[in-house]
Amino acid sequence: MSMLEDIKAAEKAADELKKEKTAAARTLLRDAQEEARKEADALVAKAREAAQKTVSEAEAKAHKEADAFVARKAEEDRQKAEAARARLDNAVKYIMEKVVIEC
């Protein structure tokens, strides 16, 4: 082989090596991108799950607090009604006295 043929063979080998390395780099990049996408999807799913859990817990807490509020108000209303009933006889007596006395 002549020196020129050696140079051409070396250039050809270098080109082939460059093509192989470029293809390998593309494959590596594609694989890395796919892995990153999968990890991102997993993180998004985990974040959604955590957000849903937080919302569910907040809803449960809100319902519990609302139930307690309604129960408190119902008890207050019951006590007010009971107090009003206790004064009802006196109110009727007062009205009857005013009607009978003034008429």
N, C-alpha and C. Protein backbone atom coordinates (compact mmCIF):
# COMPACT_ATOMS: atom_id res chain seq x y z
N MET A 1 0.82 -1.18 0.00
CA MET A 1 0.00 0.00 0.00
C MET A 1 0.86 1.24 0.00
N SER A 2 0.35 2.18 -0.74
CA SER A 2 1.10 3.43 -0.79
C SER A 2 0.66 4.33 0.37
N MET A 3 1.40 5.34 0.54
CA MET A 3 1.13 6.27 1.62
C MET A 3 -0.22 6.96 1.41
N LEU A 4 -0.56 7.27 0.17
CA LEU A 4 -1.83 7.91 -0.16
C LEU A 4 -2.99 6.98 0.19
N GLU A 5 -2.81 5.70 -0.11
CA GLU A 5 -3.85 4.73 0.22
C GLU A 5 -4.00 4.59 1.73
N ASP A 6 -2.88 4.66 2.43
CA ASP A 6 -2.93 4.61 3.90
C ASP A 6 -3.70 5.80 4.47
N ILE A 7 -3.46 6.97 3.89
CA ILE A 7 -4.15 8.19 4.35
C ILE A 7 -5.65 8.07 4.08
N LYS A 8 -5.99 7.60 2.84
CA LYS A 8 -7.41 7.44 2.49
C LYS A 8 -8.07 6.41 3.40
N ALA A 9 -7.38 5.33 3.69
CA ALA A 9 -7.93 4.30 4.58
C ALA A 9 -8.12 4.86 5.98
N ALA A 10 -7.17 5.66 6.44
CA ALA A 10 -7.27 6.26 7.77
C ALA A 10 -8.43 7.26 7.82
N GLU A 11 -8.57 8.05 6.72
CA GLU A 11 -9.67 9.01 6.67
C GLU A 11 -11.01 8.27 6.65
N LYS A 12 -11.07 7.19 5.89
CA LYS A 12 -12.30 6.40 5.81
C LYS A 12 -12.62 5.80 7.18
N ALA A 13 -11.60 5.28 7.83
CA ALA A 13 -11.80 4.70 9.16
C ALA A 13 -12.24 5.79 10.14
N ALA A 14 -11.66 6.97 10.03
CA ALA A 14 -12.03 8.08 10.90
C ALA A 14 -13.48 8.50 10.65
N ASP A 15 -13.88 8.55 9.36
CA ASP A 15 -15.26 8.90 9.02
C ASP A 15 -16.23 7.87 9.58
N GLU A 16 -15.89 6.61 9.44
CA GLU A 16 -16.76 5.55 9.96
C GLU A 16 -16.85 5.62 11.48
N LEU A 17 -15.72 5.87 12.11
CA LEU A 17 -15.71 6.00 13.57
C LEU A 17 -16.54 7.20 14.00
N LYS A 18 -16.42 8.30 13.23
CA LYS A 18 -17.20 9.50 13.54
C LYS A 18 -18.69 9.21 13.40
N LYS A 19 -19.08 8.49 12.32
CA LYS A 19 -20.49 8.13 12.12
C LYS A 19 -20.98 7.23 13.25
N GLU A 20 -20.17 6.27 13.64
CA GLU A 20 -20.55 5.36 14.73
C GLU A 20 -20.74 6.14 16.03
N LYS A 21 -19.79 7.01 16.32
CA LYS A 21 -19.86 7.78 17.57
C LYS A 21 -21.04 8.76 17.55
N THR A 22 -21.31 9.34 16.36
CA THR A 22 -22.45 10.25 16.23
C THR A 22 -23.75 9.48 16.46
N ALA A 23 -23.85 8.30 15.85
CA ALA A 23 -25.04 7.47 16.04
C ALA A 23 -25.18 7.05 17.50
N ALA A 24 -24.07 6.68 18.11
CA ALA A 24 -24.10 6.29 19.52
C ALA A 24 -24.51 7.47 20.40
N ALA A 25 -24.01 8.65 20.07
CA ALA A 25 -24.36 9.85 20.83
C ALA A 25 -25.85 10.16 20.68
N ARG A 26 -26.38 10.01 19.46
CA ARG A 26 -27.81 10.25 19.23
C ARG A 26 -28.64 9.26 20.05
N THR A 27 -28.23 8.02 20.02
CA THR A 27 -28.95 6.99 20.78
C THR A 27 -28.89 7.30 22.27
N LEU A 28 -27.72 7.66 22.74
CA LEU A 28 -27.55 8.00 24.15
C LEU A 28 -28.41 9.20 24.53
N LEU A 29 -28.42 10.21 23.66
CA LEU A 29 -29.23 11.41 23.90
C LEU A 29 -30.71 11.06 23.91
N ARG A 30 -31.16 10.27 22.94
CA ARG A 30 -32.55 9.85 22.86
C ARG A 30 -32.95 9.07 24.12
N ASP A 31 -32.08 8.15 24.54
CA ASP A 31 -32.35 7.37 25.75
C ASP A 31 -32.41 8.26 26.99
N ALA A 32 -31.50 9.22 27.06
CA ALA A 32 -31.49 10.15 28.20
C ALA A 32 -32.76 11.01 28.21
N GLN A 33 -33.18 11.46 27.03
CA GLN A 33 -34.40 12.26 26.95
C GLN A 33 -35.62 11.43 27.36
N GLU A 34 -35.66 10.20 26.90
CA GLU A 34 -36.77 9.31 27.26
C GLU A 34 -36.79 9.06 28.77
N GLU A 35 -35.64 8.82 29.34
CA GLU A 35 -35.55 8.59 30.79
C GLU A 35 -35.97 9.85 31.55
N ALA A 36 -35.53 11.01 31.06
CA ALA A 36 -35.91 12.28 31.71
C ALA A 36 -37.42 12.49 31.61
N ARG A 37 -38.01 12.16 30.46
CA ARG A 37 -39.46 12.30 30.28
C ARG A 37 -40.21 11.38 31.25
N LYS A 38 -39.71 10.15 31.38
CA LYS A 38 -40.36 9.21 32.30
C LYS A 38 -40.27 9.71 33.74
N GLU A 39 -39.10 10.22 34.12
CA GLU A 39 -38.94 10.76 35.47
C GLU A 39 -39.84 11.97 35.69
N ALA A 40 -39.93 12.82 34.68
CA ALA A 40 -40.79 14.00 34.79
C ALA A 40 -42.25 13.58 34.92
N ASP A 41 -42.66 12.59 34.12
CA ASP A 41 -44.04 12.09 34.21
C ASP A 41 -44.31 11.51 35.60
N ALA A 42 -43.34 10.79 36.13
CA ALA A 42 -43.50 10.21 37.47
C ALA A 42 -43.61 11.32 38.52
N LEU A 43 -42.79 12.36 38.39
CA LEU A 43 -42.85 13.48 39.34
C LEU A 43 -44.19 14.20 39.25
N VAL A 44 -44.67 14.40 38.03
CA VAL A 44 -45.97 15.07 37.84
C VAL A 44 -47.08 14.22 38.46
N ALA A 45 -47.03 12.92 38.22
CA ALA A 45 -48.05 12.02 38.79
C ALA A 45 -48.00 12.06 40.31
N LYS A 46 -46.80 12.06 40.86
CA LYS A 46 -46.64 12.10 42.32
C LYS A 46 -47.17 13.43 42.87
N ALA A 47 -46.87 14.52 42.16
CA ALA A 47 -47.35 15.84 42.60
C ALA A 47 -48.87 15.91 42.53
N ARG A 48 -49.45 15.35 41.47
CA ARG A 48 -50.91 15.34 41.36
C ARG A 48 -51.53 14.53 42.50
N GLU A 49 -50.92 13.40 42.78
CA GLU A 49 -51.41 12.55 43.87
C GLU A 49 -51.34 13.29 45.20
N ALA A 50 -50.22 13.97 45.44
CA ALA A 50 -50.07 14.73 46.68
C ALA A 50 -51.08 15.87 46.74
N ALA A 51 -51.30 16.53 45.61
CA ALA A 51 -52.27 17.63 45.57
C ALA A 51 -53.67 17.10 45.84
N GLN A 52 -54.01 15.97 45.23
CA GLN A 52 -55.33 15.38 45.45
C GLN A 52 -55.52 14.99 46.92
N LYS A 53 -54.47 14.45 47.51
CA LYS A 53 -54.53 14.08 48.93
C LYS A 53 -54.75 15.32 49.79
N THR A 54 -54.03 16.39 49.47
CA THR A 54 -54.18 17.64 50.22
C THR A 54 -55.59 18.19 50.08
N VAL A 55 -56.12 18.15 48.86
CA VAL A 55 -57.49 18.64 48.63
C VAL A 55 -58.49 17.78 49.40
N SER A 56 -58.31 16.47 49.36
CA SER A 56 -59.22 15.57 50.08
C SER A 56 -59.17 15.83 51.58
N GLU A 57 -57.96 16.00 52.10
CA GLU A 57 -57.83 16.29 53.53
C GLU A 57 -58.47 17.63 53.89
N ALA A 58 -58.29 18.62 53.02
CA ALA A 58 -58.88 19.94 53.27
C ALA A 58 -60.41 19.86 53.23
N GLU A 59 -60.94 19.10 52.27
CA GLU A 59 -62.39 18.94 52.19
C GLU A 59 -62.92 18.24 53.44
N ALA A 60 -62.24 17.20 53.87
CA ALA A 60 -62.68 16.48 55.07
C ALA A 60 -62.65 17.40 56.29
N LYS A 61 -61.59 18.19 56.41
CA LYS A 61 -61.48 19.13 57.53
C LYS A 61 -62.59 20.18 57.46
N ALA A 62 -62.85 20.69 56.25
CA ALA A 62 -63.90 21.70 56.08
C ALA A 62 -65.27 21.12 56.45
N HIS A 63 -65.53 19.89 56.02
CA HIS A 63 -66.81 19.26 56.36
C HIS A 63 -66.94 19.07 57.87
N LYS A 64 -65.86 18.65 58.50
CA LYS A 64 -65.87 18.44 59.95
C LYS A 64 -66.13 19.77 60.67
N GLU A 65 -65.43 20.82 60.24
CA GLU A 65 -65.62 22.13 60.86
C GLU A 65 -67.02 22.67 60.60
N ALA A 66 -67.54 22.44 59.39
CA ALA A 66 -68.89 22.90 59.07
C ALA A 66 -69.92 22.15 59.92
N ASP A 67 -69.73 20.84 60.07
CA ASP A 67 -70.64 20.06 60.91
C ASP A 67 -70.61 20.56 62.36
N ALA A 68 -69.42 20.84 62.86
CA ALA A 68 -69.29 21.35 64.23
C ALA A 68 -69.96 22.72 64.36
N PHE A 69 -69.79 23.58 63.35
CA PHE A 69 -70.41 24.90 63.36
C PHE A 69 -71.93 24.78 63.37
N VAL A 70 -72.45 23.91 62.50
CA VAL A 70 -73.90 23.71 62.43
C VAL A 70 -74.42 23.17 63.76
N ALA A 71 -73.69 22.23 64.35
CA ALA A 71 -74.11 21.67 65.64
C ALA A 71 -74.12 22.76 66.72
N ARG A 72 -73.09 23.62 66.73
CA ARG A 72 -73.04 24.72 67.72
C ARG A 72 -74.23 25.66 67.53
N LYS A 73 -74.47 26.03 66.28
CA LYS A 73 -75.58 26.96 66.01
C LYS A 73 -76.92 26.32 66.34
N ALA A 74 -77.07 25.03 66.07
CA ALA A 74 -78.32 24.34 66.40
C ALA A 74 -78.53 24.34 67.91
N GLU A 75 -77.47 24.10 68.66
CA GLU A 75 -77.56 24.12 70.13
C GLU A 75 -77.90 25.52 70.63
N GLU A 76 -77.27 26.54 70.05
CA GLU A 76 -77.59 27.92 70.44
C GLU A 76 -79.06 28.23 70.15
N ASP A 77 -79.52 27.82 68.97
CA ASP A 77 -80.92 28.06 68.61
C ASP A 77 -81.87 27.32 69.56
N ARG A 78 -81.51 26.08 69.91
CA ARG A 78 -82.34 25.30 70.83
C ARG A 78 -82.43 26.00 72.19
N GLN A 79 -81.28 26.51 72.66
CA GLN A 79 -81.27 27.21 73.95
C GLN A 79 -82.09 28.49 73.89
N LYS A 80 -81.99 29.23 72.79
CA LYS A 80 -82.79 30.46 72.64
C LYS A 80 -84.28 30.14 72.60
N ALA A 81 -84.63 29.08 71.87
CA ALA A 81 -86.04 28.68 71.79
C ALA A 81 -86.55 28.25 73.17
N GLU A 82 -85.73 27.52 73.90
CA GLU A 82 -86.11 27.09 75.24
C GLU A 82 -86.30 28.29 76.16
N ALA A 83 -85.41 29.26 76.06
CA ALA A 83 -85.53 30.47 76.87
C ALA A 83 -86.79 31.24 76.49
N ALA A 84 -87.08 31.30 75.20
CA ALA A 84 -88.28 32.00 74.75
C ALA A 84 -89.53 31.28 75.25
N ARG A 85 -89.54 29.95 75.19
CA ARG A 85 -90.68 29.18 75.70
C ARG A 85 -90.88 29.42 77.21
N ALA A 86 -89.76 29.54 77.91
CA ALA A 86 -89.85 29.78 79.36
C ALA A 86 -90.49 31.14 79.65
N ARG A 87 -90.30 32.10 78.78
CA ARG A 87 -90.88 33.44 78.97
C ARG A 87 -92.25 33.58 78.33
N LEU A 88 -92.69 32.57 77.62
CA LEU A 88 -93.95 32.65 76.88
C LEU A 88 -95.14 32.87 77.82
N ASP A 89 -95.19 32.13 78.92
CA ASP A 89 -96.32 32.28 79.85
C ASP A 89 -96.39 33.71 80.39
N ASN A 90 -95.24 34.25 80.76
CA ASN A 90 -95.22 35.63 81.27
C ASN A 90 -95.63 36.61 80.18
N ALA A 91 -95.22 36.37 78.95
CA ALA A 91 -95.58 37.26 77.86
C ALA A 91 -97.08 37.22 77.61
N VAL A 92 -97.65 36.03 77.61
CA VAL A 92 -99.10 35.90 77.41
C VAL A 92 -99.85 36.58 78.56
N LYS A 93 -99.38 36.35 79.77
CA LYS A 93 -100.00 36.96 80.95
C LYS A 93 -99.94 38.48 80.85
N TYR A 94 -98.80 39.03 80.43
CA TYR A 94 -98.63 40.47 80.29
C TYR A 94 -99.59 41.02 79.24
N ILE A 95 -99.66 40.33 78.12
CA ILE A 95 -100.56 40.79 77.04
C ILE A 95 -102.01 40.73 77.51
N MET A 96 -102.37 39.66 78.18
CA MET A 96 -103.75 39.53 78.65
C MET A 96 -104.08 40.63 79.66
N GLU A 97 -103.14 40.93 80.54
CA GLU A 97 -103.38 42.00 81.51
C GLU A 97 -103.57 43.34 80.80
N LYS A 98 -102.74 43.60 79.79
CA LYS A 98 -102.85 44.87 79.07
C LYS A 98 -104.17 44.95 78.31
N VAL A 99 -104.57 43.84 77.71
CA VAL A 99 -105.81 43.84 76.94
C VAL A 99 -107.01 43.98 77.89
N VAL A 100 -107.01 43.23 78.97
CA VAL A 100 -108.14 43.25 79.91
C VAL A 100 -108.21 44.58 80.65
N ILE A 101 -107.07 45.08 81.07
CA ILE A 101 -107.04 46.32 81.84
C ILE A 101 -107.41 47.51 80.95
N GLU A 102 -106.93 47.55 79.75
CA GLU A 102 -107.16 48.71 78.91
C GLU A 102 -108.49 48.64 78.18
N CYS A 103 -109.06 47.51 78.14
CA CYS A 103 -110.35 47.40 77.45
C CYS A 103 -111.47 47.57 78.37
